C-alpha atoms as a PDB file:
ATOM      1  CA  MET A   1      36.427 -82.741 -92.717  1.00  0.00           C
ATOM      2  CA  THR A   2      33.123 -84.470 -92.864  1.00  0.00           C
ATOM      3  CA  THR A   3      32.851 -87.759 -90.190  1.00  0.00           C
ATOM      4  CA  SER A   4      31.025 -90.635 -91.421  1.00  0.00           C
ATOM      5  CA  PRO A   5      27.915 -91.429 -89.311  1.00  0.00           C
ATOM      6  CA  ILE A   6      29.040 -94.956 -88.674  1.00  0.00           C
ATOM      7  CA  ASP A   7      31.807 -93.755 -86.581  1.00  0.00           C
ATOM      8  CA  HIS A   8      29.183 -92.224 -83.643  1.00  0.00           C
ATOM      9  CA  PRO A   9      28.190 -95.435 -81.582  1.00  0.00           C
ATOM     10  CA  PRO A  10      24.327 -95.902 -81.674  1.00  0.00           C
ATOM     11  CA  THR A  11      22.433 -94.685 -78.413  1.00  0.00           C
ATOM     12  CA  SER A  12      21.193 -98.471 -78.804  1.00  0.00           C
ATOM     13  CA  SER A  13      21.494-101.477 -80.263  1.00  0.00           C
ATOM     14  CA  LYS A  14      18.041-102.074 -80.303  1.00  0.00           C
ATOM     15  CA  PRO A  15      14.891-100.648 -82.734  1.00  0.00           C
ATOM     16  CA  ALA A  16      12.981 -98.352 -80.948  1.00  0.00           C
ATOM     17  CA  PRO A  17       9.200 -99.209 -79.481  1.00  0.00           C
ATOM     18  CA  PHE A  18       7.306 -99.518 -82.830  1.00  0.00           C
ATOM     19  CA  ARG A  19       4.781 -96.913 -83.890  1.00  0.00           C
ATOM     20  CA  PHE A  20       2.679 -99.378 -85.609  1.00  0.00           C
ATOM     21  CA  LYS A  21       2.334-103.086 -86.313  1.00  0.00           C
ATOM     22  CA  ARG A  22       1.527-104.511 -89.392  1.00  0.00           C
ATOM     23  CA  LYS A  23       1.492-108.374 -90.563  1.00  0.00           C
ATOM     24  CA  ILE A  24       3.375-108.440 -93.253  1.00  0.00           C
ATOM     25  CA  SER A  25       1.870-111.172 -96.339  1.00  0.00           C
ATOM     26  CA  HIS A  26       4.355-112.840 -98.386  1.00  0.00           C
ATOM     27  CA  ASP A  27       3.414-110.873-101.602  1.00  0.00           C
ATOM     28  CA  SER A  28       4.483-107.163-100.208  1.00  0.00           C
ATOM     29  CA  PRO A  29       5.992-105.991-103.032  1.00  0.00           C
ATOM     30  CA  ALA A  30       9.800-105.012-102.748  1.00  0.00           C
ATOM     31  CA  SER A  31       9.013-101.614-103.881  1.00  0.00           C
ATOM     32  CA  ASP A  32       8.273-100.759 -99.979  1.00  0.00           C
ATOM     33  CA  LEU A  33      11.640-100.800 -99.655  1.00  0.00           C
ATOM     34  CA  LEU A  34      12.801 -97.755-101.913  1.00  0.00           C
ATOM     35  CA  PRO A  35      12.104 -94.215-101.216  1.00  0.00           C
ATOM     36  CA  SER A  36       9.905 -92.362-102.975  1.00  0.00           C
ATOM     37  CA  LYS A  37      11.653 -89.792-104.886  1.00  0.00           C
ATOM     38  CA  ARG A  38      15.641 -91.521-105.936  1.00  0.00           C
ATOM     39  CA  ARG A  39      18.724 -89.615-104.673  1.00  0.00           C
ATOM     40  CA  SER A  40      21.886 -88.870-106.505  1.00  0.00           C
ATOM     41  CA  HIS A  41      24.497 -91.013-105.292  1.00  0.00           C
ATOM     42  CA  SER A  42      26.710 -88.555-103.417  1.00  0.00           C
ATOM     43  CA  PRO A  43      27.239 -87.311 -99.697  1.00  0.00           C
ATOM     44  CA  SER A  44      24.612 -86.128 -97.568  1.00  0.00           C
ATOM     45  CA  THR A  45      24.472 -82.355 -96.844  1.00  0.00           C
ATOM     46  CA  SER A  46      23.000 -82.676 -93.821  1.00  0.00           C
ATOM     47  CA  ASN A  47      25.342 -82.020 -90.599  1.00  0.00           C
ATOM     48  CA  HIS A  48      23.437 -84.408 -88.515  1.00  0.00           C
ATOM     49  CA  PRO A  49      24.986 -87.813 -88.594  1.00  0.00           C
ATOM     50  CA  GLU A  50      21.575 -89.928 -88.188  1.00  0.00           C
ATOM     51  CA  THR A  51      20.130 -87.949 -91.026  1.00  0.00           C
ATOM     52  CA  ALA A  52      22.754 -88.185 -93.666  1.00  0.00           C
ATOM     53  CA  PHE A  53      23.171 -92.099 -92.292  1.00  0.00           C
ATOM     54  CA  ARG A  54      19.399 -92.512 -93.101  1.00  0.00           C
ATOM     55  CA  GLU A  55      19.647 -90.648 -96.413  1.00  0.00           C
ATOM     56  CA  SER A  56      22.237 -92.925 -97.788  1.00  0.00           C
ATOM     57  CA  LEU A  57      20.797 -96.083 -96.652  1.00  0.00           C
ATOM     58  CA  PHE A  58      17.653 -95.312 -98.200  1.00  0.00           C
ATOM     59  CA  ASP A  59      19.693 -94.548-101.358  1.00  0.00           C
ATOM     60  CA  ALA A  60      21.385 -97.719-100.999  1.00  0.00           C
ATOM     61  CA  LEU A  61      18.342-100.041-100.866  1.00  0.00           C
ATOM     62  CA  ALA A  62      16.833 -98.173-103.995  1.00  0.00           C
ATOM     63  CA  ASP A  63      19.419-100.179-106.705  1.00  0.00           C
ATOM     64  CA  ASP A  64      22.822-101.983-106.865  1.00  0.00           C
ATOM     65  CA  GLU A  65      24.787 -99.058-108.192  1.00  0.00           C
ATOM     66  CA  GLY A  66      23.196 -97.345-105.290  1.00  0.00           C
ATOM     67  CA  ALA A  67      24.407-100.284-103.022  1.00  0.00           C
ATOM     68  CA  ALA A  68      27.584-100.557-104.494  1.00  0.00           C
ATOM     69  CA  PHE A  69      28.598 -96.760-103.911  1.00  0.00           C
ATOM     70  CA  TRP A  70      27.670 -96.706-100.400  1.00  0.00           C
ATOM     71  CA  GLU A  71      29.708 -99.999 -99.347  1.00  0.00           C
ATOM     72  CA  SER A  72      32.693 -97.970-101.232  1.00  0.00           C
ATOM     73  CA  VAL A  73      31.691 -95.065 -98.536  1.00  0.00           C
ATOM     74  CA  TYR A  74      31.506 -97.155 -95.454  1.00  0.00           C
ATOM     75  CA  GLY A  75      33.872 -99.627 -96.389  1.00  0.00           C
ATOM     76  CA  GLN A  76      30.713-102.489 -95.706  1.00  0.00           C
ATOM     77  CA  PRO A  77      27.384-103.063 -97.384  1.00  0.00           C
ATOM     78  CA  ILE A  78      24.912-101.090 -95.828  1.00  0.00           C
ATOM     79  CA  HIS A  79      21.518-102.551 -97.910  1.00  0.00           C
ATOM     80  CA  THR A  80      22.004-106.416 -96.901  1.00  0.00           C
ATOM     81  CA  TYR A  81      19.915-106.188 -93.532  1.00  0.00           C
ATOM     82  CA  SER A  82      16.072-107.492 -93.495  1.00  0.00           C
ATOM     83  CA  PRO A  83      13.654-104.382 -92.313  1.00  0.00           C
ATOM     84  CA  TYR A  84      11.499-107.179 -90.991  1.00  0.00           C
ATOM     85  CA  ILE A  85      11.216-108.608 -87.563  1.00  0.00           C
ATOM     86  CA  ARG A  86       9.549-111.096 -85.413  1.00  0.00           C
ATOM     87  CA  SER A  87       6.702-110.007 -83.145  1.00  0.00           C
ATOM     88  CA  ALA A  88       6.212-110.304 -79.651  1.00  0.00           C
ATOM     89  CA  GLY A  89       5.175-113.701 -79.836  1.00  0.00           C
ATOM     90  CA  GLY A  90       7.663-114.923 -82.618  1.00  0.00           C
ATOM     91  CA  SER A  91      11.319-116.759 -81.910  1.00  0.00           C
ATOM     92  CA  SER A  92      13.514-114.737 -79.684  1.00  0.00           C
ATOM     93  CA  SER A  93      15.915-115.401 -82.539  1.00  0.00           C
ATOM     94  CA  SER A  94      15.439-112.162 -84.603  1.00  0.00           C
ATOM     95  CA  LYS A  95      18.516-110.814 -84.561  1.00  0.00           C
ATOM     96  CA  ASN A  96      19.673-114.003 -86.443  1.00  0.00           C
ATOM     97  CA  ASP A  97      17.275-113.591 -88.912  1.00  0.00           C
ATOM     98  CA  ASN A  98      18.023-110.094 -90.085  1.00  0.00           C
ATOM     99  CA  ASN A  99      21.004-111.053 -91.102  1.00  0.00           C
ATOM    100  CA  ASN A 100      21.920-111.081 -95.065  1.00  0.00           C
ATOM    101  CA  ASN A 101      18.120-110.996 -95.842  1.00  0.00           C
ATOM    102  CA  ALA A 102      16.954-108.044 -96.955  1.00  0.00           C
ATOM    103  CA  ASP A 103      14.324-108.569 -98.675  1.00  0.00           C
ATOM    104  CA  ASP A 104      12.331-111.985 -97.517  1.00  0.00           C
ATOM    105  CA  PRO A 105       9.196-111.379 -94.789  1.00  0.00           C
ATOM    106  CA  LYS A 106       8.525-114.833 -95.653  1.00  0.00           C
ATOM    107  CA  GLN A 107       7.929-115.963 -91.888  1.00  0.00           C
ATOM    108  CA  ALA A 108       5.021-116.236 -89.861  1.00  0.00           C
ATOM    109  CA  GLU A 109       4.084-113.144 -87.737  1.00  0.00           C
ATOM    110  CA  LEU A 110       6.880-110.919 -88.930  1.00  0.00           C
ATOM    111  CA  GLN A 111       6.763-107.046 -88.958  1.00  0.00           C
ATOM    112  CA  ARG A 112       8.451-104.617 -90.516  1.00  0.00           C
ATOM    113  CA  MET A 113      10.400-101.313 -88.715  1.00  0.00           C
ATOM    114  CA  THR A 114       9.444 -97.755 -89.629  1.00  0.00           C
ATOM    115  CA  ASP A 115      12.499 -95.980 -91.517  1.00  0.00           C
ATOM    116  CA  ASP A 116      13.378 -94.497 -88.205  1.00  0.00           C
ATOM    117  CA  GLU A 117      13.654 -97.733 -86.671  1.00  0.00           C
ATOM    118  CA  TYR A 118      15.016 -99.576 -89.402  1.00  0.00           C
ATOM    119  CA  ALA A 119      17.663 -96.800 -89.910  1.00  0.00           C
ATOM    120  CA  THR A 120      18.630 -97.334 -86.326  1.00  0.00           C
ATOM    121  CA  TYR A 121      18.797-101.098 -86.369  1.00  0.00           C
ATOM    122  CA  VAL A 122      21.127-100.558 -89.379  1.00  0.00           C
ATOM    123  CA  ARG A 123      23.566 -98.419 -87.998  1.00  0.00           C
ATOM    124  CA  ALA A 124      24.005-100.358 -84.631  1.00  0.00           C
ATOM    125  CA  ARG A 125      24.876-103.589 -86.440  1.00  0.00           C
ATOM    126  CA  MET A 126      26.957-101.705 -88.836  1.00  0.00           C
ATOM    127  CA  TRP A 127      28.549 -99.877 -85.706  1.00  0.00           C
ATOM    128  CA  GLU A 128      29.337-103.363 -84.238  1.00  0.00           C
ATOM    129  CA  LYS A 129      30.652-104.657 -86.911  1.00  0.00           C
ATOM    130  CA  SER A 130      33.100-101.618 -87.521  1.00  0.00           C
ATOM    131  CA  HIS A 131      33.870-101.748 -83.830  1.00  0.00           C
ATOM    132  CA  ALA A 132      33.948-105.596 -82.911  1.00  0.00           C
ATOM    133  CA  HIS A 133      36.903-104.911 -80.752  1.00  0.00           C
ATOM    134  CA  ILE A 134      34.830-102.750 -78.592  1.00  0.00           C
ATOM    135  CA  VAL A 135      32.028-105.198 -78.640  1.00  0.00           C
ATOM    136  CA  GLU A 136      33.706-107.663 -77.641  1.00  0.00           C
ATOM    137  CA  GLU A 137      35.579-106.197 -75.056  1.00  0.00           C
ATOM    138  CA  ARG A 138      32.776-104.623 -73.561  1.00  0.00           C
ATOM    139  CA  ARG A 139      30.958-108.054 -73.376  1.00  0.00           C
ATOM    140  CA  ARG A 140      34.289-109.586 -71.950  1.00  0.00           C
ATOM    141  CA  ARG A 141      33.966-106.848 -69.002  1.00  0.00           C
ATOM    142  CA  GLU A 142      30.248-107.772 -68.511  1.00  0.00           C
ATOM    143  CA  LYS A 143      31.562-111.219 -68.067  1.00  0.00           C
ATOM    144  CA  GLN A 144      34.173-110.559 -65.521  1.00  0.00           C
ATOM    145  CA  ARG A 145      31.457-108.222 -63.589  1.00  0.00           C
ATOM    146  CA  LEU A 146      29.265-110.737 -63.607  1.00  0.00           C
ATOM    147  CA  ARG A 147      31.575-113.227 -62.421  1.00  0.00           C
ATOM    148  CA  ARG A 148      32.882-110.988 -59.807  1.00  0.00           C
ATOM    149  CA  LYS A 149      29.456-110.775 -58.753  1.00  0.00           C
ATOM    150  CA  GLU A 150      28.647-114.514 -58.429  1.00  0.00           C
ATOM    151  CA  GLN A 151      32.225-115.001 -56.732  1.00  0.00           C
ATOM    152  CA  GLU A 152      31.504-112.028 -54.305  1.00  0.00           C
ATOM    153  CA  GLY A 153      27.856-113.794 -53.297  1.00  0.00           C
ATOM    154  CA  GLN A 154      29.262-117.113 -52.555  1.00  0.00           C
ATOM    155  CA  ARG A 155      32.054-115.348 -50.458  1.00  0.00           C
ATOM    156  CA  ARG A 156      28.948-113.514 -48.693  1.00  0.00           C
ATOM    157  CA  ASP A 157      27.221-117.122 -48.152  1.00  0.00           C
ATOM    158  CA  TRP A 158      30.821-118.643 -47.428  1.00  0.00           C
ATOM    159  CA  GLU A 159      31.232-115.934 -44.449  1.00  0.00           C
ATOM    160  CA  ARG A 160      27.513-115.782 -42.862  1.00  0.00           C
ATOM    161  CA  ASP A 161      28.101-120.170 -43.027  1.00  0.00           C
ATOM    162  CA  VAL A 162      31.058-119.807 -41.212  1.00  0.00           C
ATOM    163  CA  GLU A 163      29.773-116.918 -38.630  1.00  0.00           C
ATOM    164  CA  ASP A 164      26.658-119.455 -38.275  1.00  0.00           C
ATOM    165  CA  ALA A 165      29.146-122.096 -37.445  1.00  0.00           C
ATOM    166  CA  LEU A 166      30.845-120.100 -34.861  1.00  0.00           C
ATOM    167  CA  ARG A 167      27.901-118.916 -33.417  1.00  0.00           C
ATOM    168  CA  ARG A 168      26.576-122.252 -32.810  1.00  0.00           C
ATOM    169  CA  GLY A 169      29.992-124.079 -31.516  1.00  0.00           C
ATOM    170  CA  GLU A 170      29.848-120.582 -28.825  1.00  0.00           C
ATOM    171  CA  GLU A 171      26.660-121.316 -28.152  1.00  0.00           C
ATOM    172  CA  LYS A 172      27.518-125.122 -27.510  1.00  0.00           C
ATOM    173  CA  ARG A 173      30.262-124.563 -25.457  1.00  0.00           C
ATOM    174  CA  ARG A 174      28.331-121.740 -23.630  1.00  0.00           C
ATOM    175  CA  LYS A 175      25.582-124.375 -22.474  1.00  0.00           C
ATOM    176  CA  ASN A 176      28.594-126.963 -21.481  1.00  0.00           C
ATOM    177  CA  ARG A 177      30.352-124.418 -19.083  1.00  0.00           C
ATOM    178  CA  TRP A 178      26.937-123.752 -17.250  1.00  0.00           C
ATOM    179  CA  LYS A 179      26.535-127.639 -17.489  1.00  0.00           C
ATOM    180  CA  ASP A 180      29.363-128.256 -15.856  1.00  0.00           C
ATOM    181  CA  ALA A 181      29.191-125.315 -13.397  1.00  0.00           C
ATOM    182  CA  TRP A 182      25.376-126.642 -12.364  1.00  0.00           C
ATOM    183  CA  GLY A 183      26.969-130.396 -12.002  1.00  0.00           C
ATOM    184  CA  ARG A 184      29.675-129.443 -10.014  1.00  0.00           C
ATOM    185  CA  TYR A 185      27.377-127.088  -7.783  1.00  0.00           C
ATOM    186  CA  VAL A 186      24.968-129.892  -7.194  1.00  0.00           C
ATOM    187  CA  ARG A 187      27.665-132.273  -6.236  1.00  0.00           C
ATOM    188  CA  GLY A 188      29.322-129.497  -3.718  1.00  0.00           C
ATOM    189  CA  TRP A 189      25.962-129.431  -1.862  1.00  0.00           C
ATOM    190  CA  GLU A 190      25.847-133.542  -1.844  1.00  0.00           C
ATOM    191  CA  ALA A 191      29.423-133.389  -0.262  1.00  0.00           C
ATOM    192  CA  LEU A 192      28.648-130.478   1.881  1.00  0.00           C
ATOM    193  CA  SER A 193      25.699-132.638   3.192  1.00  0.00           C
ATOM    194  CA  SER A 194      27.300-135.962   3.584  1.00  0.00           C
ATOM    195  CA  SER A 195      30.765-135.937   5.053  1.00  0.00           C
ATOM    196  CA  GLY A 196      30.520-132.193   7.240  1.00  0.00           C
ATOM    197  CA  HIS A 197      33.125-129.548   6.684  1.00  0.00           C
ATOM    198  CA  GLY A 198      37.062-128.674   7.489  1.00  0.00           C
ATOM    199  CA  GLN A 199      37.834-126.281  10.123  1.00  0.00           C
ATOM    200  CA  GLY A 200      38.830-122.621   9.703  1.00  0.00           C
ATOM    201  CA  LYS A 201      39.849-120.650   6.007  1.00  0.00           C
ATOM    202  CA  LYS A 202      39.162-124.174   4.409  1.00  0.00           C
ATOM    203  CA  MET A 203      35.623-123.691   4.776  1.00  0.00           C
ATOM    204  CA  LYS A 204      35.449-120.977   1.903  1.00  0.00           C
ATOM    205  CA  ASP A 205      36.584-123.574  -0.409  1.00  0.00           C
ATOM    206  CA  GLN A 206      34.161-126.302   0.618  1.00  0.00           C
ATOM    207  CA  ILE A 207      31.189-124.274   0.233  1.00  0.00           C
ATOM    208  CA  PRO A 208      29.586-124.403  -3.102  1.00  0.00           C
ATOM    209  CA  TRP A 209      29.163-121.141  -4.085  1.00  0.00           C
ATOM    210  CA  PRO A 210      26.557-119.641  -6.667  1.00  0.00           C
ATOM    211  CA  VAL A 211      28.845-118.920  -9.436  1.00  0.00           C
ATOM    212  CA  GLU A 212      30.166-119.983 -12.610  1.00  0.00           C
ATOM    213  CA  THR A 213      33.537-120.618 -11.446  1.00  0.00           C
ATOM    214  CA  GLY A 214      32.198-121.749  -7.861  1.00  0.00           C
ATOM    215  CA  ARG A 215      34.978-119.763  -6.034  1.00  0.00           C
ATOM    216  CA  TYR A 216      34.309-117.458  -2.661  1.00  0.00           C
ATOM    217  CA  ARG A 217      35.669-114.404  -4.218  1.00  0.00           C
ATOM    218  CA  ASP A 218      34.220-114.170  -7.298  1.00  0.00           C
ATOM    219  CA  VAL A 219      30.583-114.224  -5.491  1.00  0.00           C
ATOM    220  CA  ASP A 220      28.407-110.796  -6.555  1.00  0.00           C
ATOM    221  CA  ARG A 221      24.876-110.179  -7.321  1.00  0.00           C
ATOM    222  CA  GLU A 222      25.463-110.121 -11.153  1.00  0.00           C
ATOM    223  CA  GLN A 223      27.474-113.410 -11.316  1.00  0.00           C
ATOM    224  CA  VAL A 224      24.836-115.119  -8.904  1.00  0.00           C
ATOM    225  CA  GLU A 225      21.911-114.036 -10.870  1.00  0.00           C
ATOM    226  CA  ASN A 226      23.947-115.049 -14.065  1.00  0.00           C
ATOM    227  CA  PHE A 227      24.329-118.291 -12.631  1.00  0.00           C
ATOM    228  CA  PHE A 228      20.709-119.131 -11.350  1.00  0.00           C
ATOM    229  CA  ARG A 229      19.417-117.888 -14.759  1.00  0.00           C
ATOM    230  CA  HIS A 230      21.557-120.119 -16.988  1.00  0.00           C
ATOM    231  CA  ALA A 231      23.420-122.976 -15.421  1.00  0.00           C
ATOM    232  CA  PRO A 232      19.827-125.052 -14.061  1.00  0.00           C
ATOM    233  CA  GLN A 233      18.683-124.612 -17.916  1.00  0.00           C
ATOM    234  CA  SER A 234      21.370-126.938 -18.893  1.00  0.00           C
ATOM    235  CA  GLU A 235      19.937-129.737 -17.061  1.00  0.00           C
ATOM    236  CA  GLN A 236      16.263-129.519 -18.361  1.00  0.00           C
ATOM    237  CA  SER A 237      14.879-130.979 -21.254  1.00  0.00           C
ATOM    238  CA  SER A 238      14.061-128.577 -24.719  1.00  0.00           C
ATOM    239  CA  GLU A 239      10.900-127.505 -22.512  1.00  0.00           C
ATOM    240  CA  GLY A 240      12.781-125.187 -20.033  1.00  0.00           C
ATOM    241  CA  VAL A 241      13.565-125.616 -16.557  1.00  0.00           C
ATOM    242  CA  ASP A 242      10.632-123.748 -14.140  1.00  0.00           C
ATOM    243  CA  LEU A 243      13.064-121.231 -12.670  1.00  0.00           C
ATOM    244  CA  GLY A 244      10.323-120.079 -10.185  1.00  0.00           C
ATOM    245  CA  ARG A 245      10.553-123.330  -8.562  1.00  0.00           C
ATOM    246  CA  VAL A 246      14.469-124.070  -8.598  1.00  0.00           C
ATOM    247  CA  LEU A 247      14.763-120.427  -6.631  1.00  0.00           C
ATOM    248  CA  LYS A 248      12.339-121.495  -4.302  1.00  0.00           C
ATOM    249  CA  LEU A 249      14.251-124.617  -2.926  1.00  0.00           C
ATOM    250  CA  GLU A 250      17.629-122.467  -3.527  1.00  0.00           C
ATOM    251  CA  ARG A 251      15.901-119.674  -1.058  1.00  0.00           C
ATOM    252  CA  VAL A 252      15.580-122.260   1.347  1.00  0.00           C
ATOM    253  CA  ARG A 253      18.937-123.725   0.914  1.00  0.00           C
ATOM    254  CA  TRP A 254      20.867-120.355   1.825  1.00  0.00           C
ATOM    255  CA  HIS A 255      18.771-118.950   4.380  1.00  0.00           C
ATOM    256  CA  PRO A 256      21.109-118.172   6.734  1.00  0.00           C
ATOM    257  CA  ASP A 257      19.504-120.241   9.289  1.00  0.00           C
ATOM    258  CA  LYS A 258      19.371-123.217   7.744  1.00  0.00           C
ATOM    259  CA  PHE A 259      22.502-122.869   6.576  1.00  0.00           C
ATOM    260  CA  LEU A 260      23.860-122.899  10.083  1.00  0.00           C
ATOM    261  CA  GLN A 261      22.023-126.121  10.339  1.00  0.00           C
ATOM    262  CA  LYS A 262      23.401-127.569   7.375  1.00  0.00           C
ATOM    263  CA  ALA A 263      26.523-126.855   7.800  1.00  0.00           C
ATOM    264  CA  GLY A 264      27.441-126.283  11.266  1.00  0.00           C
ATOM    265  CA  GLY A 265      28.565-123.636  13.713  1.00  0.00           C
ATOM    266  CA  ASP A 266      32.373-124.511  13.922  1.00  0.00           C
ATOM    267  CA  GLY A 267      34.737-122.683  11.043  1.00  0.00           C
ATOM    268  CA  LEU A 268      32.086-120.125  10.268  1.00  0.00           C
ATOM    269  CA  ASP A 269      33.399-117.141  10.930  1.00  0.00           C
ATOM    270  CA  GLY A 270      31.595-113.866  10.339  1.00  0.00           C
ATOM    271  CA  GLU A 271      32.903-113.163   6.839  1.00  0.00           C
ATOM    272  CA  ILE A 272      31.235-116.456   5.608  1.00  0.00           C
ATOM    273  CA  VAL A 273      28.119-116.072   7.130  1.00  0.00           C
ATOM    274  CA  ALA A 274      27.636-112.154   5.756  1.00  0.00           C
ATOM    275  CA  MET A 275      28.506-113.914   2.291  1.00  0.00           C
ATOM    276  CA  VAL A 276      25.907-116.479   3.041  1.00  0.00           C
ATOM    277  CA  THR A 277      23.461-113.956   4.018  1.00  0.00           C
ATOM    278  CA  ALA A 278      23.823-112.074   1.028  1.00  0.00           C
ATOM    279  CA  VAL A 279      23.500-114.936  -1.387  1.00  0.00           C
ATOM    280  CA  PHE A 280      20.526-115.657   0.305  1.00  0.00           C
ATOM    281  CA  GLN A 281      19.137-112.131  -0.413  1.00  0.00           C
ATOM    282  CA  ILE A 282      20.057-112.065  -4.044  1.00  0.00           C
ATOM    283  CA  ILE A 283      17.860-115.313  -4.679  1.00  0.00           C
ATOM    284  CA  ASP A 284      15.257-113.708  -2.575  1.00  0.00           C
ATOM    285  CA  ARG A 285      15.101-110.602  -5.064  1.00  0.00           C
ATOM    286  CA  LEU A 286      15.774-112.586  -7.929  1.00  0.00           C
ATOM    287  CA  TRP A 287      12.638-115.238  -6.631  1.00  0.00           C
ATOM    288  CA  SER A 288      10.414-112.087  -6.128  1.00  0.00           C
ATOM    289  CA  GLU A 289      11.192-111.060  -9.524  1.00  0.00           C
ATOM    290  CA  VAL A 290       9.928-114.213 -11.100  1.00  0.00           C
ATOM    291  CA  ARG A 291       7.133-114.868  -9.359  1.00  0.00           C
ATOM    292  CA  LEU A 292       5.697-110.975 -10.315  1.00  0.00           C
ATOM    293  CA  ALA A 293       6.526-111.416 -13.984  1.00  0.00           C
END
């Protein structure tokens, strides 16, 4: 059973690169389209589909009889496609110009395809007509792919915007927490200096411990360092805070001797004094690191 060359989809719907370029004069003879020798109107004996189609195409171009014969073979005319194509500087609508215009080079800057290019072009266009549903399905899938790609890009942009908004919101809440902690710390020292202190275990609650929570039980090296690295910043301008200056003042405030003078000796048991000394040592070490940085 002989397989029609048109049943084989072309490897490309576009002509192959030109091997020569020549401007076509408007008086170019129609005989240029004809093969040098007439072929009988019979199926080719070639086993290669492209060769068989090429022979039938140029036989159909030779005369009306050949055109009618091969139209009956393929079920559609094969001689109605123009062999001319616009040059690189011409209009982008050259595909439209190649429909049903087999012998009209009357447009500026047209170039004629080679025999191989022309055969490839015609075979591709005929295949598209014979398999219109396949071509349409390919176009539909390509549109869906582009639409999915666009939607995916929009989704990623939306997720990125949401993440940025959440990050900015978290940063704002963090700054507000440190701002509240620093304000509570400053007010605690003002209260301790102006109104004295209570007795016994209540003294732990009256001391403004330099941690985010302000509670005695949360005091450790990491919490104290985090407090002084973040809390003072919240009260300053966009230029930032002089951490070294802040630590120098706090170092004096938390020195055990200075602290005992300010708070008084009553109600300060050994546990509180040890904790005050530990806070002083943490601040002193941090101040030294900042000075050397």
